Amino acid sequence: MRSMRNFVVHEYFRASDAVIWDTVHVDLPPLPAMLKTILEEDSE
């Protein structure tokens, strides 16, 4: 996620719509479940 932020910030004019679309629709959806798992494991 950090690398995507850096890419969008520093390479804004070169960021393709397809890359941003894929990130939002492919890479981000699993994030809430992964974070929930991490938080549950951390609280044990």
PDB file of N, CA and C in Angstrom:
ATOM      1  N   MET A   1       0.829  -1.183   0.000  1.00  0.00           N
ATOM      2  CA  MET A   1       0.000   0.000   0.000  1.00  0.00           C
ATOM      3  C   MET A   1       0.879   1.254   0.000  1.00  0.00           C
ATOM      4  N   ARG A   2       1.957   1.219   0.752  1.00  0.00           N
ATOM      5  CA  ARG A   2       2.842   2.375   0.787  1.00  0.00           C
ATOM      6  C   ARG A   2       3.412   2.657  -0.592  1.00  0.00           C
ATOM      7  N   SER A   3       3.775   1.599  -1.304  1.00  0.00           N
ATOM      8  CA  SER A   3       4.362   1.818  -2.630  1.00  0.00           C
ATOM      9  C   SER A   3       3.340   2.415  -3.593  1.00  0.00           C
ATOM     10  N   MET A   4       2.065   2.033  -3.450  1.00  0.00           N
ATOM     11  CA  MET A   4       1.031   2.610  -4.308  1.00  0.00           C
ATOM     12  C   MET A   4       0.874   4.097  -3.992  1.00  0.00           C
ATOM     13  N   ARG A   5       0.892   4.448  -2.724  1.00  0.00           N
ATOM     14  CA  ARG A   5       0.789   5.855  -2.330  1.00  0.00           C
ATOM     15  C   ARG A   5       1.955   6.646  -2.909  1.00  0.00           C
ATOM     16  N   ASN A   6       3.167   6.115  -2.781  1.00  0.00           N
ATOM     17  CA  ASN A   6       4.335   6.799  -3.323  1.00  0.00           C
ATOM     18  C   ASN A   6       4.234   6.947  -4.833  1.00  0.00           C
ATOM     19  N   PHE A   7       3.759   5.910  -5.496  1.00  0.00           N
ATOM     20  CA  PHE A   7       3.605   5.960  -6.949  1.00  0.00           C
ATOM     21  C   PHE A   7       2.623   7.057  -7.349  1.00  0.00           C
ATOM     22  N   VAL A   8       1.472   7.081  -6.695  1.00  0.00           N
ATOM     23  CA  VAL A   8       0.444   8.063  -7.056  1.00  0.00           C
ATOM     24  C   VAL A   8       0.922   9.479  -6.756  1.00  0.00           C
ATOM     25  N   VAL A   9       1.598   9.672  -5.633  1.00  0.00           N
ATOM     26  CA  VAL A   9       2.055  11.006  -5.254  1.00  0.00           C
ATOM     27  C   VAL A   9       3.182  11.495  -6.155  1.00  0.00           C
ATOM     28  N   HIS A  10       4.158  10.628  -6.402  1.00  0.00           N
ATOM     29  CA  HIS A  10       5.345  11.070  -7.124  1.00  0.00           C
ATOM     30  C   HIS A  10       5.261  10.878  -8.633  1.00  0.00           C
ATOM     31  N   GLU A  11       4.406  10.011  -9.067  1.00  0.00           N
ATOM     32  CA  GLU A  11       4.286   9.728 -10.503  1.00  0.00           C
ATOM     33  C   GLU A  11       2.863  10.014 -10.976  1.00  0.00           C
ATOM     34  N   TYR A  12       2.234  11.007 -10.374  1.00  0.00           N
ATOM     35  CA  TYR A  12       0.816  11.277 -10.611  1.00  0.00           C
ATOM     36  C   TYR A  12       0.439  11.291 -12.083  1.00  0.00           C
ATOM     37  N   PHE A  13       1.205  11.969 -12.885  1.00  0.00           N
ATOM     38  CA  PHE A  13       0.840  12.115 -14.290  1.00  0.00           C
ATOM     39  C   PHE A  13       1.101  10.847 -15.089  1.00  0.00           C
ATOM     40  N   ARG A  14       1.863   9.916 -14.515  1.00  0.00           N
ATOM     41  CA  ARG A  14       2.117   8.652 -15.197  1.00  0.00           C
ATOM     42  C   ARG A  14       1.244   7.523 -14.667  1.00  0.00           C
ATOM     43  N   ALA A  15       0.459   7.772 -13.630  1.00  0.00           N
ATOM     44  CA  ALA A  15      -0.397   6.735 -13.055  1.00  0.00           C
ATOM     45  C   ALA A  15      -1.524   6.425 -14.031  1.00  0.00           C
ATOM     46  N   SER A  16      -1.607   5.174 -14.423  1.00  0.00           N
ATOM     47  CA  SER A  16      -2.663   4.820 -15.365  1.00  0.00           C
ATOM     48  C   SER A  16      -3.947   4.498 -14.606  1.00  0.00           C
ATOM     49  N   ASP A  17      -5.053   4.764 -15.250  1.00  0.00           N
ATOM     50  CA  ASP A  17      -6.347   4.459 -14.650  1.00  0.00           C
ATOM     51  C   ASP A  17      -6.460   2.973 -14.343  1.00  0.00           C
ATOM     52  N   ALA A  18      -5.902   2.132 -15.196  1.00  0.00           N
ATOM     53  CA  ALA A  18      -5.991   0.682 -15.006  1.00  0.00           C
ATOM     54  C   ALA A  18      -5.265   0.240 -13.740  1.00  0.00           C
ATOM     55  N   VAL A  19      -4.106   0.818 -13.469  1.00  0.00           N
ATOM     56  CA  VAL A  19      -3.354   0.450 -12.265  1.00  0.00           C
ATOM     57  C   VAL A  19      -4.127   0.867 -11.018  1.00  0.00           C
ATOM     58  N   ILE A  20      -4.666   2.051 -11.029  1.00  0.00           N
ATOM     59  CA  ILE A  20      -5.436   2.532  -9.878  1.00  0.00           C
ATOM     60  C   ILE A  20      -6.699   1.701  -9.706  1.00  0.00           C
ATOM     61  N   TRP A  21      -7.383   1.401 -10.790  1.00  0.00           N
ATOM     62  CA  TRP A  21      -8.595   0.575 -10.741  1.00  0.00           C
ATOM     63  C   TRP A  21      -8.286  -0.799 -10.155  1.00  0.00           C
ATOM     64  N   ASP A  22      -7.228  -1.438 -10.639  1.00  0.00           N
ATOM     65  CA  ASP A  22      -6.853  -2.760 -10.135  1.00  0.00           C
ATOM     66  C   ASP A  22      -6.509  -2.708  -8.649  1.00  0.00           C
ATOM     67  N   THR A  23      -5.833  -1.673  -8.239  1.00  0.00           N
ATOM     68  CA  THR A  23      -5.477  -1.546  -6.826  1.00  0.00           C
ATOM     69  C   THR A  23      -6.727  -1.457  -5.964  1.00  0.00           C
ATOM     70  N   VAL A  24      -7.662  -0.627  -6.382  1.00  0.00           N
ATOM     71  CA  VAL A  24      -8.884  -0.429  -5.603  1.00  0.00           C
ATOM     72  C   VAL A  24      -9.753  -1.686  -5.598  1.00  0.00           C
ATOM     73  N   HIS A  25      -9.844  -2.368  -6.729  1.00  0.00           N
ATOM     74  CA  HIS A  25     -10.768  -3.490  -6.840  1.00  0.00           C
ATOM     75  C   HIS A  25     -10.144  -4.860  -6.605  1.00  0.00           C
ATOM     76  N   VAL A  26      -8.824  -4.963  -6.642  1.00  0.00           N
ATOM     77  CA  VAL A  26      -8.173  -6.262  -6.454  1.00  0.00           C
ATOM     78  C   VAL A  26      -7.359  -6.294  -5.163  1.00  0.00           C
ATOM     79  N   ASP A  27      -6.543  -5.284  -4.953  1.00  0.00           N
ATOM     80  CA  ASP A  27      -5.619  -5.306  -3.820  1.00  0.00           C
ATOM     81  C   ASP A  27      -6.251  -4.859  -2.500  1.00  0.00           C
ATOM     82  N   LEU A  28      -7.149  -3.909  -2.534  1.00  0.00           N
ATOM     83  CA  LEU A  28      -7.696  -3.371  -1.293  1.00  0.00           C
ATOM     84  C   LEU A  28      -8.810  -4.204  -0.650  1.00  0.00           C
ATOM     85  N   PRO A  29      -9.679  -4.881  -1.391  1.00  0.00           N
ATOM     86  CA  PRO A  29     -10.767  -5.615  -0.743  1.00  0.00           C
ATOM     87  C   PRO A  29     -10.335  -6.613   0.342  1.00  0.00           C
ATOM     88  N   PRO A  30      -9.228  -7.346   0.196  1.00  0.00           N
ATOM     89  CA  PRO A  30      -8.842  -8.267   1.268  1.00  0.00           C
ATOM     90  C   PRO A  30      -8.284  -7.572   2.514  1.00  0.00           C
ATOM     91  N   LEU A  31      -7.975  -6.302   2.416  1.00  0.00           N
ATOM     92  CA  LEU A  31      -7.310  -5.595   3.510  1.00  0.00           C
ATOM     93  C   LEU A  31      -8.090  -5.615   4.826  1.00  0.00           C
ATOM     94  N   PRO A  32      -9.391  -5.318   4.861  1.00  0.00           N
ATOM     95  CA  PRO A  32     -10.095  -5.332   6.153  1.00  0.00           C
ATOM     96  C   PRO A  32     -10.013  -6.688   6.867  1.00  0.00           C
ATOM     97  N   ALA A  33     -10.158  -7.779   6.131  1.00  0.00           N
ATOM     98  CA  ALA A  33     -10.079  -9.104   6.755  1.00  0.00           C
ATOM     99  C   ALA A  33      -8.678  -9.372   7.299  1.00  0.00           C
ATOM    100  N   MET A  34      -7.661  -8.969   6.553  1.00  0.00           N
ATOM    101  CA  MET A  34      -6.285  -9.165   7.025  1.00  0.00           C
ATOM    102  C   MET A  34      -6.029  -8.351   8.291  1.00  0.00           C
ATOM    103  N   LEU A  35      -6.506  -7.115   8.314  1.00  0.00           N
ATOM    104  CA  LEU A  35      -6.316  -6.273   9.495  1.00  0.00           C
ATOM    105  C   LEU A  35      -7.065  -6.830  10.700  1.00  0.00           C
ATOM    106  N   LYS A  36      -8.266  -7.345  10.471  1.00  0.00           N
ATOM    107  CA  LYS A  36      -9.046  -7.946  11.556  1.00  0.00           C
ATOM    108  C   LYS A  36      -8.292  -9.128  12.152  1.00  0.00           C
ATOM    109  N   THR A  37      -7.725  -9.976  11.303  1.00  0.00           N
ATOM    110  CA  THR A  37      -6.952 -11.125  11.770  1.00  0.00           C
ATOM    111  C   THR A  37      -5.756 -10.673  12.599  1.00  0.00           C
ATOM    112  N   ILE A  38      -5.052  -9.684  12.116  1.00  0.00           N
ATOM    113  CA  ILE A  38      -3.883  -9.172  12.845  1.00  0.00           C
ATOM    114  C   ILE A  38      -4.297  -8.631  14.210  1.00  0.00           C
ATOM    115  N   LEU A  39      -5.383  -7.879  14.248  1.00  0.00           N
ATOM    116  CA  LEU A  39      -5.840  -7.306  15.517  1.00  0.00           C
ATOM    117  C   LEU A  39      -6.297  -8.388  16.485  1.00  0.00           C
ATOM    118  N   GLU A  40      -6.973  -9.415  15.973  1.00  0.00           N
ATOM    119  CA  GLU A  40      -7.420 -10.515  16.832  1.00  0.00           C
ATOM    120  C   GLU A  40      -6.225 -11.280  17.394  1.00  0.00           C
ATOM    121  N   GLU A  41      -5.226 -11.531  16.567  1.00  0.00           N
ATOM    122  CA  GLU A  41      -4.033 -12.240  17.035  1.00  0.00           C
ATOM    123  C   GLU A  41      -3.261 -11.397  18.047  1.00  0.00           C
ATOM    124  N   ASP A  42      -3.257 -10.108  17.843  1.00  0.00           N
ATOM    125  CA  ASP A  42      -2.531  -9.208  18.735  1.00  0.00           C
ATOM    126  C   ASP A  42      -3.188  -9.127  20.110  1.00  0.00           C
ATOM    127  N   SER A  43      -4.509  -9.274  20.154  1.00  0.00           N
ATOM    128  CA  SER A  43      -5.225  -9.143  21.422  1.00  0.00           C
ATOM    129  C   SER A  43      -5.172 -10.420  22.256  1.00  0.00           C
ATOM    130  N   GLU A  44      -4.673 -11.500  21.703  1.00  0.00           N
ATOM    131  CA  GLU A  44      -4.607 -12.776  22.437  1.00  0.00           C
ATOM    132  C   GLU A  44      -3.479 -12.815  23.412  1.00  0.00           C
TER     133      GLU A  44
END
